[in-house]
Amino acid sequence: GRAAGPWLRLLRTRVAGARVSSLSWSPDGQLLAAASPDQAGLQVWEVASGIPTPVSAGPAAFDTVRWSPCGNYVFAAGTGSRHFYIFETHRWRWARWQTSSGSPSSPSPPSASPLPRPNTHASASQRGTSGTTTPRDSVVAA
């Protein structure tokens, strides 16, 4: 067999010159998600082909993005915001959550757990881009 050599692939952002502040590989290594403070939403690419995965522009610009260990959810947050967003990765629907105080940072350490119920440490928004995600329906990195 051939020895695997180094490789490099350039992935283009939706907005020319947009900075990338955070990257996260899907657990299976097939997708790469990026956050940028210069454009709303997530950018996700299929790594092998470099083809962007269709994700709506999204609700806000993000500084941090992290994939859940199961691969079904992506956490995204912006600096200085009390909100964070959970995207489900099958149809890329999202739900907005709000912290009780302070700014959410990337989850540490990442683990699969139920989303917090409203009126505890976070509350869900009423709608997402293509549907609603409710706390009882979701598991995500926390």
Protein backbone atom coordinates (compact mmCIF):
# COMPACT_ATOMS: atom_id res chain seq x y z
CA GLY A 1 0.00 0.00 0.00
CA ARG A 2 0.91 3.64 -0.35
CA ALA A 3 1.97 5.71 2.60
CA ALA A 4 -0.49 8.47 3.31
CA GLY A 5 1.11 11.81 2.58
CA PRO A 6 0.19 15.17 4.07
CA TRP A 7 -2.81 16.89 2.57
CA LEU A 8 -4.26 20.35 2.64
CA ARG A 9 -7.70 21.46 1.52
CA LEU A 10 -8.85 25.07 1.33
CA LEU A 11 -12.48 25.53 2.41
CA ARG A 12 -14.16 28.77 1.38
CA THR A 13 -16.33 30.80 3.72
CA ARG A 14 -19.68 32.26 2.58
CA VAL A 15 -18.39 35.80 3.15
CA ALA A 16 -15.06 36.67 1.51
CA GLY A 17 -12.45 37.51 4.14
CA ALA A 18 -14.55 36.20 7.05
CA ARG A 19 -12.43 35.22 10.05
CA VAL A 20 -12.82 31.73 11.49
CA SER A 21 -12.71 31.77 15.29
CA SER A 22 -13.50 28.13 16.07
CA LEU A 23 -13.46 24.75 14.30
CA SER A 24 -14.94 21.43 15.39
CA TRP A 25 -14.70 18.01 13.71
CA SER A 26 -17.73 15.73 13.74
CA PRO A 27 -17.08 12.59 15.82
CA ASP A 28 -16.85 10.47 12.65
CA GLY A 29 -14.37 12.92 11.07
CA GLN A 30 -16.50 13.44 7.95
CA LEU A 31 -17.71 17.00 8.64
CA LEU A 32 -16.01 20.16 9.86
CA ALA A 33 -18.01 23.00 11.45
CA ALA A 34 -16.74 26.58 11.68
CA ALA A 35 -17.83 29.64 13.63
CA SER A 36 -17.11 33.19 12.49
CA PRO A 37 -17.80 36.47 14.27
CA ASP A 38 -18.09 38.07 10.80
CA GLN A 39 -21.14 36.16 9.51
CA ALA A 40 -24.35 34.73 10.89
CA GLY A 41 -24.74 31.00 11.35
CA LEU A 42 -22.50 27.99 11.07
CA GLN A 43 -20.52 26.80 8.13
CA VAL A 44 -20.18 23.04 7.73
CA TRP A 45 -18.18 21.19 5.09
CA GLU A 46 -17.86 17.58 4.01
CA VAL A 47 -14.12 17.18 4.56
CA ALA A 48 -13.32 14.64 1.81
CA SER A 49 -14.89 16.68 -0.99
CA GLY A 50 -14.75 20.21 0.45
CA ILE A 51 -18.43 20.61 -0.44
CA PRO A 52 -20.39 22.84 1.96
CA THR A 53 -23.26 21.18 3.80
CA PRO A 54 -26.50 23.16 3.42
CA VAL A 55 -27.04 25.00 6.71
CA SER A 56 -29.27 28.07 6.85
CA ALA A 57 -27.49 31.34 7.49
CA GLY A 58 -28.60 31.03 11.09
CA PRO A 59 -29.69 33.31 13.87
CA ALA A 60 -26.43 34.98 14.95
CA ALA A 61 -22.67 35.19 14.47
CA PHE A 62 -20.71 32.74 16.63
CA ASP A 63 -17.24 32.62 18.15
CA THR A 64 -17.38 29.04 19.45
CA VAL A 65 -18.60 25.80 17.92
CA ARG A 66 -18.43 22.27 19.38
CA TRP A 67 -19.85 18.98 18.12
CA SER A 68 -21.63 16.64 20.58
CA PRO A 69 -19.95 13.26 21.17
CA CYS A 70 -22.86 11.44 19.49
CA GLY A 71 -22.63 13.68 16.39
CA ASN A 72 -26.32 14.60 16.41
CA TYR A 73 -25.93 18.14 17.77
CA VAL A 74 -23.68 21.17 17.49
CA PHE A 75 -23.30 23.80 20.23
CA ALA A 76 -22.61 27.40 19.10
CA ALA A 77 -22.18 30.60 21.11
CA GLY A 78 -21.00 34.16 20.64
CA THR A 79 -18.77 36.13 22.98
CA GLY A 80 -20.62 38.51 25.28
CA SER A 81 -24.03 36.98 24.64
CA ARG A 82 -26.26 35.29 27.21
CA HIS A 83 -27.60 33.07 24.42
CA PHE A 84 -26.28 29.87 22.95
CA TYR A 85 -27.68 27.75 20.16
CA ILE A 86 -28.10 24.02 19.69
CA PHE A 87 -28.27 22.77 16.09
CA GLU A 88 -29.49 19.25 15.35
CA THR A 89 -27.41 17.86 12.50
CA HIS A 90 -29.95 15.85 10.49
CA ARG A 91 -32.01 18.81 9.24
CA TRP A 92 -29.90 21.59 10.81
CA ARG A 93 -32.81 22.97 12.86
CA TRP A 94 -31.79 25.07 15.85
CA ALA A 95 -33.04 26.18 19.25
CA ARG A 96 -31.89 29.27 21.15
CA TRP A 97 -31.14 28.98 24.85
CA GLN A 98 -30.36 31.65 27.42
CA THR A 99 -28.05 31.33 30.40
CA SER A 100 -29.26 32.53 33.78
CA SER A 101 -26.26 34.86 34.03
CA GLY A 102 -22.99 35.54 32.30
CA SER A 103 -21.83 34.39 28.91
CA PRO A 104 -21.82 30.75 27.82
CA SER A 105 -18.46 29.44 26.75
CA SER A 106 -17.69 26.18 25.02
CA PRO A 107 -18.91 23.22 27.01
CA SER A 108 -16.18 21.67 29.10
CA PRO A 109 -15.80 18.76 29.24
CA PRO A 110 -18.10 17.71 26.40
CA SER A 111 -20.51 14.92 27.30
CA ALA A 112 -23.96 13.80 26.24
CA SER A 113 -26.71 14.90 28.62
CA PRO A 114 -30.31 16.11 28.32
CA LEU A 115 -30.83 19.76 27.49
CA PRO A 116 -31.72 21.80 30.56
CA ARG A 117 -35.41 22.36 31.08
CA PRO A 118 -36.74 25.92 30.88
CA ASN A 119 -36.66 27.88 34.15
CA THR A 120 -33.57 26.05 35.44
CA HIS A 121 -30.30 27.23 33.91
CA ALA A 122 -31.53 27.82 30.37
CA SER A 123 -34.72 28.40 28.44
CA ALA A 124 -35.59 27.53 24.85
CA SER A 125 -36.74 29.99 22.24
CA GLN A 126 -40.10 29.47 20.59
CA ARG A 127 -38.84 28.74 17.08
CA GLY A 128 -35.87 27.81 14.96
CA THR A 129 -35.15 28.25 11.27
CA SER A 130 -37.04 25.20 10.08
CA GLY A 131 -38.79 23.91 13.15
CA THR A 132 -38.81 23.83 16.90
CA THR A 133 -36.53 21.79 19.10
CA THR A 134 -37.82 21.20 22.60
CA PRO A 135 -35.85 20.17 25.71
CA ARG A 136 -37.56 16.79 26.00
CA ASP A 137 -36.62 15.88 22.40
CA SER A 138 -32.90 16.59 22.51
CA VAL A 139 -29.58 15.38 23.82
CA VAL A 140 -26.50 17.56 23.36
CA ALA A 141 -23.03 18.31 24.62
CA ALA A 142 -23.25 20.11 27.95
